[in-house]
PDB file of all heavy atoms in Angstrom:
ATOM      1  N   GLU A   1     217.089 125.618 -57.187  1.00  0.00           N
ATOM      2  CA  GLU A   1     217.256 125.326 -55.689  1.00  0.00           C
ATOM      3  C   GLU A   1     216.020 125.862 -55.009  1.00  0.00           C
ATOM      4  O   GLU A   1     215.526 126.905 -55.254  1.00  0.00           O
ATOM      5  CB  GLU A   1     218.579 125.976 -55.117  1.00  0.00           C
ATOM      6  CG  GLU A   1     219.784 125.297 -55.757  1.00  0.00           C
ATOM      7  CD  GLU A   1     221.021 125.830 -55.102  1.00  0.00           C
ATOM      8  OE1 GLU A   1     220.947 126.824 -54.409  1.00  0.00           O
ATOM      9  OE2 GLU A   1     222.090 125.248 -55.237  1.00  0.00           O
ATOM     10  N   LYS A   2     215.568 125.054 -53.959  1.00  0.00           N
ATOM     11  CA  LYS A   2     214.438 125.493 -53.235  1.00  0.00           C
ATOM     12  C   LYS A   2     214.823 125.536 -51.755  1.00  0.00           C
ATOM     13  O   LYS A   2     215.486 124.690 -51.147  1.00  0.00           O
ATOM     14  CB  LYS A   2     213.294 124.354 -53.335  1.00  0.00           C
ATOM     15  CG  LYS A   2     212.035 124.724 -52.544  1.00  0.00           C
ATOM     16  CD  LYS A   2     211.060 123.579 -52.791  1.00  0.00           C
ATOM     17  CE  LYS A   2     209.807 123.854 -51.955  1.00  0.00           C
ATOM     18  NZ  LYS A   2     208.748 122.826 -52.082  1.00  0.00           N
ATOM     19  N   THR A   3     214.578 126.676 -50.970  1.00  0.00           N
ATOM     20  CA  THR A   3     214.949 126.918 -49.631  1.00  0.00           C
ATOM     21  C   THR A   3     213.769 126.266 -48.825  1.00  0.00           C
ATOM     22  O   THR A   3     212.503 126.506 -48.963  1.00  0.00           O
ATOM     23  CB  THR A   3     214.974 128.317 -49.293  1.00  0.00           C
ATOM     24  OG1 THR A   3     216.107 128.843 -50.124  1.00  0.00           O
ATOM     25  CG2 THR A   3     215.277 128.543 -47.815  1.00  0.00           C
ATOM     26  N   ILE A   4     214.167 125.414 -47.870  1.00  0.00           N
ATOM     27  CA  ILE A   4     213.196 124.801 -46.857  1.00  0.00           C
ATOM     28  C   ILE A   4     213.352 125.573 -45.616  1.00  0.00           C
ATOM     29  O   ILE A   4     214.392 125.379 -44.948  1.00  0.00           O
ATOM     30  CB  ILE A   4     213.418 123.267 -46.724  1.00  0.00           C
ATOM     31  CG1 ILE A   4     213.497 122.583 -48.106  1.00  0.00           C
ATOM     32  CG2 ILE A   4     212.333 122.677 -45.803  1.00  0.00           C
ATOM     33  CD1 ILE A   4     212.255 122.625 -48.913  1.00  0.00           C
ATOM     34  N   PRO A   5     212.434 126.279 -45.143  1.00  0.00           N
ATOM     35  CA  PRO A   5     212.700 127.163 -43.931  1.00  0.00           C
ATOM     36  C   PRO A   5     212.523 126.349 -42.664  1.00  0.00           C
ATOM     37  O   PRO A   5     211.910 125.225 -42.664  1.00  0.00           O
ATOM     38  CB  PRO A   5     211.435 128.131 -44.003  1.00  0.00           C
ATOM     39  CG  PRO A   5     210.382 127.370 -44.734  1.00  0.00           C
ATOM     40  CD  PRO A   5     211.142 126.621 -45.832  1.00  0.00           C
ATOM     41  N   SER A   6     213.124 126.733 -41.611  1.00  0.00           N
ATOM     42  CA  SER A   6     212.989 126.179 -40.376  1.00  0.00           C
ATOM     43  C   SER A   6     211.734 126.669 -39.612  1.00  0.00           C
ATOM     44  O   SER A   6     211.080 127.503 -40.043  1.00  0.00           O
ATOM     45  CB  SER A   6     214.295 126.483 -39.569  1.00  0.00           C
ATOM     46  OG  SER A   6     214.372 127.866 -39.258  1.00  0.00           O
ATOM     47  N   GLY A   7     211.471 126.085 -38.465  1.00  0.00           N
ATOM     48  CA  GLY A   7     210.322 126.577 -37.624  1.00  0.00           C
ATOM     49  C   GLY A   7     209.199 125.641 -37.610  1.00  0.00           C
ATOM     50  O   GLY A   7     209.136 124.686 -38.402  1.00  0.00           O
ATOM     51  N   LEU A   8     208.476 125.825 -36.541  1.00  0.00           N
ATOM     52  CA  LEU A   8     207.181 125.025 -36.310  1.00  0.00           C
ATOM     53  C   LEU A   8     205.989 125.833 -36.624  1.00  0.00           C
ATOM     54  O   LEU A   8     205.669 126.729 -35.819  1.00  0.00           O
ATOM     55  CB  LEU A   8     207.235 124.415 -34.741  1.00  0.00           C
ATOM     56  CG  LEU A   8     208.459 123.683 -34.477  1.00  0.00           C
ATOM     57  CD1 LEU A   8     208.404 123.198 -32.978  1.00  0.00           C
ATOM     58  CD2 LEU A   8     208.755 122.406 -35.325  1.00  0.00           C
ATOM     59  N   GLU A   9     205.244 125.485 -37.505  1.00  0.00           N
ATOM     60  CA  GLU A   9     204.144 126.352 -38.115  1.00  0.00           C
ATOM     61  C   GLU A   9     202.923 126.025 -37.503  1.00  0.00           C
ATOM     62  O   GLU A   9     202.633 124.947 -36.979  1.00  0.00           O
ATOM     63  CB  GLU A   9     204.134 126.150 -39.689  1.00  0.00           C
ATOM     64  CG  GLU A   9     205.442 126.601 -40.262  1.00  0.00           C
ATOM     65  CD  GLU A   9     205.416 126.417 -41.838  1.00  0.00           C
ATOM     66  OE1 GLU A   9     204.296 126.519 -42.452  1.00  0.00           O
ATOM     67  OE2 GLU A   9     206.434 126.275 -42.474  1.00  0.00           O
ATOM     68  N   ASN A  10     201.942 127.035 -37.496  1.00  0.00           N
ATOM     69  CA  ASN A  10     200.634 126.992 -36.850  1.00  0.00           C
ATOM     70  C   ASN A  10     199.587 127.547 -37.919  1.00  0.00           C
ATOM     71  O   ASN A  10     199.818 128.522 -38.508  1.00  0.00           O
ATOM     72  CB  ASN A  10     200.645 127.909 -35.688  1.00  0.00           C
ATOM     73  CG  ASN A  10     201.428 127.333 -34.481  1.00  0.00           C
ATOM     74  OD1 ASN A  10     201.111 126.384 -33.829  1.00  0.00           O
ATOM     75  ND2 ASN A  10     202.713 127.861 -34.393  1.00  0.00           N
ATOM     76  N   THR A  11     198.455 126.858 -37.817  1.00  0.00           N
ATOM     77  CA  THR A  11     197.369 127.212 -38.845  1.00  0.00           C
ATOM     78  C   THR A  11     196.917 128.681 -38.502  1.00  0.00           C
ATOM     79  O   THR A  11     196.688 129.441 -39.536  1.00  0.00           O
ATOM     80  CB  THR A  11     196.188 126.259 -38.674  1.00  0.00           C
ATOM     81  OG1 THR A  11     196.588 124.977 -39.123  1.00  0.00           O
ATOM     82  CG2 THR A  11     195.044 126.713 -39.451  1.00  0.00           C
ATOM     83  N   ASP A  12     196.683 129.107 -37.346  1.00  0.00           N
ATOM     84  CA  ASP A  12     196.223 130.477 -37.097  1.00  0.00           C
ATOM     85  C   ASP A  12     197.138 131.457 -37.615  1.00  0.00           C
ATOM     86  O   ASP A  12     196.812 132.477 -38.268  1.00  0.00           O
ATOM     87  CB  ASP A  12     196.062 130.667 -35.570  1.00  0.00           C
ATOM     88  CG  ASP A  12     194.904 129.928 -34.998  1.00  0.00           C
ATOM     89  OD1 ASP A  12     193.988 129.470 -35.757  1.00  0.00           O
ATOM     90  OD2 ASP A  12     194.746 129.734 -33.683  1.00  0.00           O
ATOM     91  N   ALA A  13     198.564 131.199 -37.436  1.00  0.00           N
ATOM     92  CA  ALA A  13     199.480 132.094 -38.108  1.00  0.00           C
ATOM     93  C   ALA A  13     199.506 132.011 -39.542  1.00  0.00           C
ATOM     94  O   ALA A  13     199.711 133.095 -40.247  1.00  0.00           O
ATOM     95  CB  ALA A  13     200.880 131.753 -37.536  1.00  0.00           C
ATOM     96  N   HIS A  14     199.208 130.890 -40.131  1.00  0.00           N
ATOM     97  CA  HIS A  14     199.132 130.790 -41.669  1.00  0.00           C
ATOM     98  C   HIS A  14     198.177 131.858 -42.076  1.00  0.00           C
ATOM     99  O   HIS A  14     198.407 132.471 -43.082  1.00  0.00           O
ATOM    100  CB  HIS A  14     198.672 129.415 -41.948  1.00  0.00           C
ATOM    101  CG  HIS A  14     199.815 128.416 -41.966  1.00  0.00           C
ATOM    102  ND1 HIS A  14     199.643 127.017 -41.854  1.00  0.00           N
ATOM    103  CD2 HIS A  14     201.175 128.626 -41.849  1.00  0.00           C
ATOM    104  CE1 HIS A  14     200.781 126.318 -41.818  1.00  0.00           C
ATOM    105  NE2 HIS A  14     201.760 127.289 -41.843  1.00  0.00           N
ATOM    106  N   PHE A  15     196.925 131.821 -41.621  1.00  0.00           N
ATOM    107  CA  PHE A  15     195.953 132.699 -42.109  1.00  0.00           C
ATOM    108  C   PHE A  15     196.183 134.176 -41.872  1.00  0.00           C
ATOM    109  O   PHE A  15     195.961 134.962 -42.682  1.00  0.00           O
ATOM    110  CB  PHE A  15     194.535 132.166 -41.639  1.00  0.00           C
ATOM    111  CG  PHE A  15     193.988 131.018 -42.236  1.00  0.00           C
ATOM    112  CD1 PHE A  15     194.093 129.836 -41.527  1.00  0.00           C
ATOM    113  CD2 PHE A  15     193.507 130.987 -43.575  1.00  0.00           C
ATOM    114  CE1 PHE A  15     193.627 128.644 -42.096  1.00  0.00           C
ATOM    115  CE2 PHE A  15     192.975 129.935 -44.189  1.00  0.00           C
ATOM    116  CZ  PHE A  15     193.196 128.539 -43.486  1.00  0.00           C
ATOM    117  N   GLU A  16     196.801 134.450 -40.795  1.00  0.00           N
ATOM    118  CA  GLU A  16     197.311 135.852 -40.578  1.00  0.00           C
ATOM    119  C   GLU A  16     198.408 136.243 -41.585  1.00  0.00           C
ATOM    120  O   GLU A  16     198.313 137.376 -42.074  1.00  0.00           O
ATOM    121  CB  GLU A  16     197.837 135.917 -39.077  1.00  0.00           C
ATOM    122  CG  GLU A  16     196.776 135.800 -38.019  1.00  0.00           C
ATOM    123  CD  GLU A  16     197.390 135.855 -36.645  1.00  0.00           C
ATOM    124  OE1 GLU A  16     198.651 135.907 -36.573  1.00  0.00           O
ATOM    125  OE2 GLU A  16     196.605 135.586 -35.673  1.00  0.00           O
ATOM    126  N   GLN A  17     199.272 135.378 -41.779  1.00  0.00           N
ATOM    127  CA  GLN A  17     200.353 135.634 -42.773  1.00  0.00           C
ATOM    128  C   GLN A  17     199.770 135.847 -44.175  1.00  0.00           C
ATOM    129  O   GLN A  17     200.286 136.782 -44.960  1.00  0.00           O
ATOM    130  CB  GLN A  17     201.326 134.498 -42.755  1.00  0.00           C
ATOM    131  CG  GLN A  17     202.163 134.376 -41.535  1.00  0.00           C
ATOM    132  CD  GLN A  17     202.937 133.007 -41.409  1.00  0.00           C
ATOM    133  OE1 GLN A  17     202.829 132.206 -42.322  1.00  0.00           O
ATOM    134  NE2 GLN A  17     203.517 132.866 -40.242  1.00  0.00           N
ATOM    135  N   MET A  18     198.817 134.978 -44.565  1.00  0.00           N
ATOM    136  CA  MET A  18     198.198 135.201 -45.872  1.00  0.00           C
ATOM    137  C   MET A  18     197.484 136.409 -46.034  1.00  0.00           C
ATOM    138  O   MET A  18     197.548 137.097 -47.040  1.00  0.00           O
ATOM    139  CB  MET A  18     197.280 133.973 -46.211  1.00  0.00           C
ATOM    140  CG  MET A  18     198.156 132.608 -46.394  1.00  0.00           C
ATOM    141  SD  MET A  18     197.218 131.229 -47.205  1.00  0.00           S
ATOM    142  CE  MET A  18     196.100 130.902 -45.899  1.00  0.00           C
ATOM    143  N   GLU A  19     196.680 136.859 -45.013  1.00  0.00           N
ATOM    144  CA  GLU A  19     195.925 138.102 -45.062  1.00  0.00           C
ATOM    145  C   GLU A  19     196.925 139.235 -45.119  1.00  0.00           C
ATOM    146  O   GLU A  19     196.667 140.130 -45.954  1.00  0.00           O
ATOM    147  CB  GLU A  19     195.083 138.251 -43.856  1.00  0.00           C
ATOM    148  CG  GLU A  19     194.288 139.509 -43.746  1.00  0.00           C
ATOM    149  CD  GLU A  19     193.325 139.767 -44.975  1.00  0.00           C
ATOM    150  OE1 GLU A  19     192.888 138.743 -45.540  1.00  0.00           O
ATOM    151  OE2 GLU A  19     193.132 140.942 -45.311  1.00  0.00           O
ATOM    152  N   ALA A  20     198.091 139.219 -44.381  1.00  0.00           N
ATOM    153  CA  ALA A  20     199.057 140.277 -44.515  1.00  0.00           C
ATOM    154  C   ALA A  20     199.577 140.275 -45.855  1.00  0.00           C
ATOM    155  O   ALA A  20     199.891 141.386 -46.455  1.00  0.00           O
ATOM    156  CB  ALA A  20     200.079 140.092 -43.373  1.00  0.00           C
ATOM    157  N   LYS A  21     199.979 139.169 -46.342  1.00  0.00           N
ATOM    158  CA  LYS A  21     200.578 139.002 -47.663  1.00  0.00           C
ATOM    159  C   LYS A  21     199.736 139.610 -48.773  1.00  0.00           C
ATOM    160  O   LYS A  21     200.168 140.303 -49.770  1.00  0.00           O
ATOM    161  CB  LYS A  21     200.979 137.570 -48.043  1.00  0.00           C
ATOM    162  CG  LYS A  21     201.831 137.346 -49.265  1.00  0.00           C
ATOM    163  CD  LYS A  21     203.256 137.821 -48.991  1.00  0.00           C
ATOM    164  CE  LYS A  21     204.258 137.431 -50.113  1.00  0.00           C
ATOM    165  NZ  LYS A  21     205.627 137.940 -49.901  1.00  0.00           N
ATOM    166  N   SER A  22     198.435 139.375 -48.675  1.00  0.00           N
ATOM    167  CA  SER A  22     197.401 139.897 -49.746  1.00  0.00           C
ATOM    168  C   SER A  22     197.391 141.358 -49.747  1.00  0.00           C
ATOM    169  O   SER A  22     196.839 141.846 -50.765  1.00  0.00           O
ATOM    170  CB  SER A  22     196.120 139.210 -49.402  1.00  0.00           C
ATOM    171  OG  SER A  22     195.440 139.953 -48.235  1.00  0.00           O
ATOM    172  N   GLN A  23     197.875 141.996 -48.707  1.00  0.00           N
ATOM    173  CA  GLN A  23     197.777 143.440 -48.701  1.00  0.00           C
ATOM    174  C   GLN A  23     198.994 144.182 -49.339  1.00  0.00           C
ATOM    175  O   GLN A  23     199.059 145.292 -49.596  1.00  0.00           O
ATOM    176  CB  GLN A  23     197.733 144.021 -47.302  1.00  0.00           C
ATOM    177  CG  GLN A  23     196.526 143.471 -46.370  1.00  0.00           C
ATOM    178  CD  GLN A  23     195.242 143.859 -46.993  1.00  0.00           C
ATOM    179  OE1 GLN A  23     195.061 144.876 -47.625  1.00  0.00           O
ATOM    180  NE2 GLN A  23     194.192 143.031 -46.731  1.00  0.00           N
ATOM    181  N   GLN A  24     200.035 143.265 -49.655  1.00  0.00           N
ATOM    182  CA  GLN A  24     201.296 143.687 -50.194  1.00  0.00           C
ATOM    183  C   GLN A  24     201.279 143.611 -51.650  1.00  0.00           C
ATOM    184  O   GLN A  24     200.438 142.958 -52.318  1.00  0.00           O
ATOM    185  CB  GLN A  24     202.472 142.934 -49.601  1.00  0.00           C
ATOM    186  CG  GLN A  24     202.510 143.028 -48.041  1.00  0.00           C
ATOM    187  CD  GLN A  24     203.523 142.066 -47.463  1.00  0.00           C
ATOM    188  OE1 GLN A  24     204.293 141.339 -48.265  1.00  0.00           O
ATOM    189  NE2 GLN A  24     203.437 141.827 -46.109  1.00  0.00           N
ATOM    190  N   PRO A  25     202.252 144.369 -52.351  1.00  0.00           N
ATOM    191  CA  PRO A  25     202.332 144.199 -53.811  1.00  0.00           C
ATOM    192  C   PRO A  25     202.597 142.793 -54.244  1.00  0.00           C
ATOM    193  O   PRO A  25     203.334 142.076 -53.558  1.00  0.00           O
ATOM    194  CB  PRO A  25     203.576 145.099 -54.110  1.00  0.00           C
ATOM    195  CG  PRO A  25     203.565 146.190 -53.169  1.00  0.00           C
ATOM    196  CD  PRO A  25     203.146 145.355 -51.883  1.00  0.00           C
ATOM    197  N   ALA A  26     202.067 142.384 -55.369  1.00  0.00           N
ATOM    198  CA  ALA A  26     202.241 140.954 -55.761  1.00  0.00           C
ATOM    199  C   ALA A  26     202.680 140.855 -57.204  1.00  0.00           C
ATOM    200  O   ALA A  26     202.846 141.928 -57.973  1.00  0.00           O
ATOM    201  CB  ALA A  26     200.872 140.189 -55.685  1.00  0.00           C
ATOM    202  N   LYS A  27     203.049 139.707 -57.680  1.00  0.00           N
ATOM    203  CA  LYS A  27     203.473 139.476 -59.050  1.00  0.00           C
ATOM    204  C   LYS A  27     202.397 139.603 -59.924  1.00  0.00           C
ATOM    205  O   LYS A  27     201.406 138.956 -59.901  1.00  0.00           O
ATOM    206  CB  LYS A  27     204.222 138.112 -59.183  1.00  0.00           C
ATOM    207  CG  LYS A  27     204.762 137.727 -60.512  1.00  0.00           C
ATOM    208  CD  LYS A  27     205.341 136.409 -60.527  1.00  0.00           C
ATOM    209  CE  LYS A  27     205.886 136.071 -61.914  1.00  0.00           C
ATOM    210  NZ  LYS A  27     206.451 134.656 -61.960  1.00  0.00           N
ATOM    211  N   GLU A  28     202.494 140.395 -61.014  1.00  0.00           N
ATOM    212  CA  GLU A  28     201.455 140.562 -62.024  1.00  0.00           C
ATOM    213  C   GLU A  28     201.518 139.509 -63.022  1.00  0.00           C
ATOM    214  O   GLU A  28     202.608 139.203 -63.637  1.00  0.00           O
ATOM    215  CB  GLU A  28     201.638 141.908 -62.673  1.00  0.00           C
ATOM    216  CG  GLU A  28     200.594 142.166 -63.801  1.00  0.00           C
ATOM    217  CD  GLU A  28     200.716 143.517 -64.582  1.00  0.00           C
ATOM    218  OE1 GLU A  28     200.744 144.521 -63.901  1.00  0.00           O
ATOM    219  OE2 GLU A  28     201.068 143.467 -65.778  1.00  0.00           O
ATOM    220  N   LEU A  29     200.551 138.630 -63.261  1.00  0.00           N
ATOM    221  CA  LEU A  29     200.477 137.569 -64.203  1.00  0.00           C
ATOM    222  C   LEU A  29     199.894 137.926 -65.489  1.00  0.00           C
ATOM    223  O   LEU A  29     200.340 137.423 -66.542  1.00  0.00           O
ATOM    224  CB  LEU A  29     199.816 136.509 -63.588  1.00  0.00           C
ATOM    225  CG  LEU A  29     200.326 135.902 -62.219  1.00  0.00           C
ATOM    226  CD1 LEU A  29     199.431 134.707 -61.777  1.00  0.00           C
ATOM    227  CD2 LEU A  29     201.715 135.360 -62.324  1.00  0.00           C
ATOM    228  N   ARG A  30     198.799 138.767 -65.454  1.00  0.00           N
ATOM    229  CA  ARG A  30     198.118 139.220 -66.725  1.00  0.00           C
ATOM    230  C   ARG A  30     197.387 140.520 -66.337  1.00  0.00           C
ATOM    231  O   ARG A  30     196.818 140.710 -65.332  1.00  0.00           O
ATOM    232  CB  ARG A  30     197.213 138.168 -67.120  1.00  0.00           C
ATOM    233  CG  ARG A  30     196.294 138.647 -68.416  1.00  0.00           C
ATOM    234  CD  ARG A  30     195.533 137.472 -68.974  1.00  0.00           C
ATOM    235  NE  ARG A  30     194.499 137.937 -69.936  1.00  0.00           N
ATOM    236  CZ  ARG A  30     193.923 137.168 -70.851  1.00  0.00           C
ATOM    237  NH1 ARG A  30     194.153 135.869 -70.833  1.00  0.00           N
ATOM    238  NH2 ARG A  30     193.028 137.708 -71.682  1.00  0.00           N
ATOM    239  N   LYS A  31     197.434 141.409 -67.382  1.00  0.00           N
ATOM    240  CA  LYS A  31     196.819 142.688 -67.275  1.00  0.00           C
ATOM    241  C   LYS A  31     196.202 143.066 -68.720  1.00  0.00           C
ATOM    242  O   LYS A  31     196.853 143.048 -69.677  1.00  0.00           O
ATOM    243  CB  LYS A  31     197.642 143.712 -66.818  1.00  0.00           C
ATOM    244  CG  LYS A  31     197.009 145.041 -66.647  1.00  0.00           C
ATOM    245  CD  LYS A  31     198.015 146.060 -65.995  1.00  0.00           C
ATOM    246  CE  LYS A  31     197.377 147.419 -65.762  1.00  0.00           C
ATOM    247  NZ  LYS A  31     198.328 148.457 -65.209  1.00  0.00           N
ATOM    248  N   ASP A  32     194.837 143.159 -68.691  1.00  0.00           N
ATOM    249  CA  ASP A  32     194.190 143.738 -69.863  1.00  0.00           C
ATOM    250  C   ASP A  32     193.555 145.017 -69.576  1.00  0.00           C
ATOM    251  O   ASP A  32     192.933 145.212 -68.546  1.00  0.00           O
ATOM    252  CB  ASP A  32     193.015 142.629 -70.345  1.00  0.00           C
ATOM    253  CG  ASP A  32     193.579 141.323 -70.693  1.00  0.00           C
ATOM    254  OD1 ASP A  32     194.752 141.295 -71.174  1.00  0.00           O
ATOM    255  OD2 ASP A  32     192.909 140.368 -70.518  1.00  0.00           O
ATOM    256  N   GLY A  33     193.659 145.982 -70.579  1.00  0.00           N
ATOM    257  CA  GLY A  33     193.053 147.223 -70.442  1.00  0.00           C
ATOM    258  C   GLY A  33     193.553 148.093 -69.261  1.00  0.00           C
ATOM    259  O   GLY A  33     194.835 147.994 -69.052  1.00  0.00           O
ATOM    260  N   ASP A  34     192.695 148.868 -68.647  1.00  0.00           N
ATOM    261  CA  ASP A  34     193.077 149.758 -67.594  1.00  0.00           C
ATOM    262  C   ASP A  34     192.288 149.492 -66.302  1.00  0.00           C
ATOM    263  O   ASP A  34     191.300 150.099 -66.035  1.00  0.00           O
ATOM    264  CB  ASP A  34     192.830 151.189 -67.917  1.00  0.00           C
ATOM    265  CG  ASP A  34     193.277 152.202 -66.846  1.00  0.00           C
ATOM    266  OD1 ASP A  34     194.050 151.882 -65.922  1.00  0.00           O
ATOM    267  OD2 ASP A  34     192.759 153.378 -66.953  1.00  0.00           O
ATOM    268  N   PRO A  35     192.611 148.342 -65.600  1.00  0.00           N
ATOM    269  CA  PRO A  35     191.827 148.075 -64.408  1.00  0.00           C
ATOM    270  C   PRO A  35     191.804 149.099 -63.348  1.00  0.00           C
ATOM    271  O   PRO A  35     190.645 149.240 -62.789  1.00  0.00           O
ATOM    272  CB  PRO A  35     192.568 146.760 -63.835  1.00  0.00           C
ATOM    273  CG  PRO A  35     193.288 146.184 -64.989  1.00  0.00           C
ATOM    274  CD  PRO A  35     193.738 147.459 -65.779  1.00  0.00           C
ATOM    275  N   GLU A  36     192.897 149.732 -63.046  1.00  0.00           N
ATOM    276  CA  GLU A  36     192.827 150.807 -62.125  1.00  0.00           C
ATOM    277  C   GLU A  36     191.799 151.885 -62.434  1.00  0.00           C
ATOM    278  O   GLU A  36     191.005 152.409 -61.572  1.00  0.00           O
ATOM    279  CB  GLU A  36     194.201 151.361 -61.956  1.00  0.00           C
ATOM    280  CG  GLU A  36     195.263 150.405 -61.396  1.00  0.00           C
ATOM    281  CD  GLU A  36     195.873 149.570 -62.445  1.00  0.00           C
ATOM    282  OE1 GLU A  36     195.431 149.709 -63.649  1.00  0.00           O
ATOM    283  OE2 GLU A  36     196.791 148.777 -62.146  1.00  0.00           O
ATOM    284  N   GLY A  37     191.807 152.357 -63.676  1.00  0.00           N
ATOM    285  CA  GLY A  37     190.862 153.385 -64.082  1.00  0.00           C
ATOM    286  C   GLY A  37     189.469 152.909 -64.016  1.00  0.00           C
ATOM    287  O   GLY A  37     188.549 153.585 -63.741  1.00  0.00           O
ATOM    288  N   ALA A  38     189.251 151.641 -64.391  1.00  0.00           N
ATOM    289  CA  ALA A  38     187.849 151.092 -64.415  1.00  0.00           C
ATOM    290  C   ALA A  38     187.348 151.049 -62.980  1.00  0.00           C
ATOM    291  O   ALA A  38     186.162 151.315 -62.749  1.00  0.00           O
ATOM    292  CB  ALA A  38     187.810 149.681 -65.084  1.00  0.00           C
ATOM    293  N   PHE A  39     188.097 150.721 -62.044  1.00  0.00           N
ATOM    294  CA  PHE A  39     187.576 150.598 -60.689  1.00  0.00           C
ATOM    295  C   PHE A  39     187.459 152.072 -60.117  1.00  0.00           C
ATOM    296  O   PHE A  39     186.521 152.223 -59.394  1.00  0.00           O
ATOM    297  CB  PHE A  39     188.610 149.760 -59.800  1.00  0.00           C
ATOM    298  CG  PHE A  39     188.473 148.328 -59.849  1.00  0.00           C
ATOM    299  CD1 PHE A  39     189.324 147.543 -60.536  1.00  0.00           C
ATOM    300  CD2 PHE A  39     187.384 147.711 -59.170  1.00  0.00           C
ATOM    301  CE1 PHE A  39     189.232 146.122 -60.590  1.00  0.00           C
ATOM    302  CE2 PHE A  39     187.253 146.334 -59.372  1.00  0.00           C
ATOM    303  CZ  PHE A  39     188.122 145.576 -60.017  1.00  0.00           C
ATOM    304  N   LYS A  40     188.260 152.883 -60.553  1.00  0.00           N
ATOM    305  CA  LYS A  40     188.067 154.270 -60.085  1.00  0.00           C
ATOM    306  C   LYS A  40     186.759 154.903 -60.527  1.00  0.00           C
ATOM    307  O   LYS A  40     186.123 155.710 -59.865  1.00  0.00           O
ATOM    308  CB  LYS A  40     189.270 155.086 -60.587  1.00  0.00           C
ATOM    309  CG  LYS A  40     189.319 156.575 -60.086  1.00  0.00           C
ATOM    310  CD  LYS A  40     190.541 157.306 -60.537  1.00  0.00           C
ATOM    311  CE  LYS A  40     190.528 158.783 -60.133  1.00  0.00           C
ATOM    312  NZ  LYS A  40     191.845 159.469 -60.606  1.00  0.00           N
TER     313      LYS A  40
END
């Protein structure tokens, strides 16, 4: 089942929402080695 949200969407808001979402935890798809340690 797929939820279709209500509302009238705007491009400016889209990019603000995507930038905000990119700062939040995300779904891990693949992890090799120790990325956190390597960046540190």
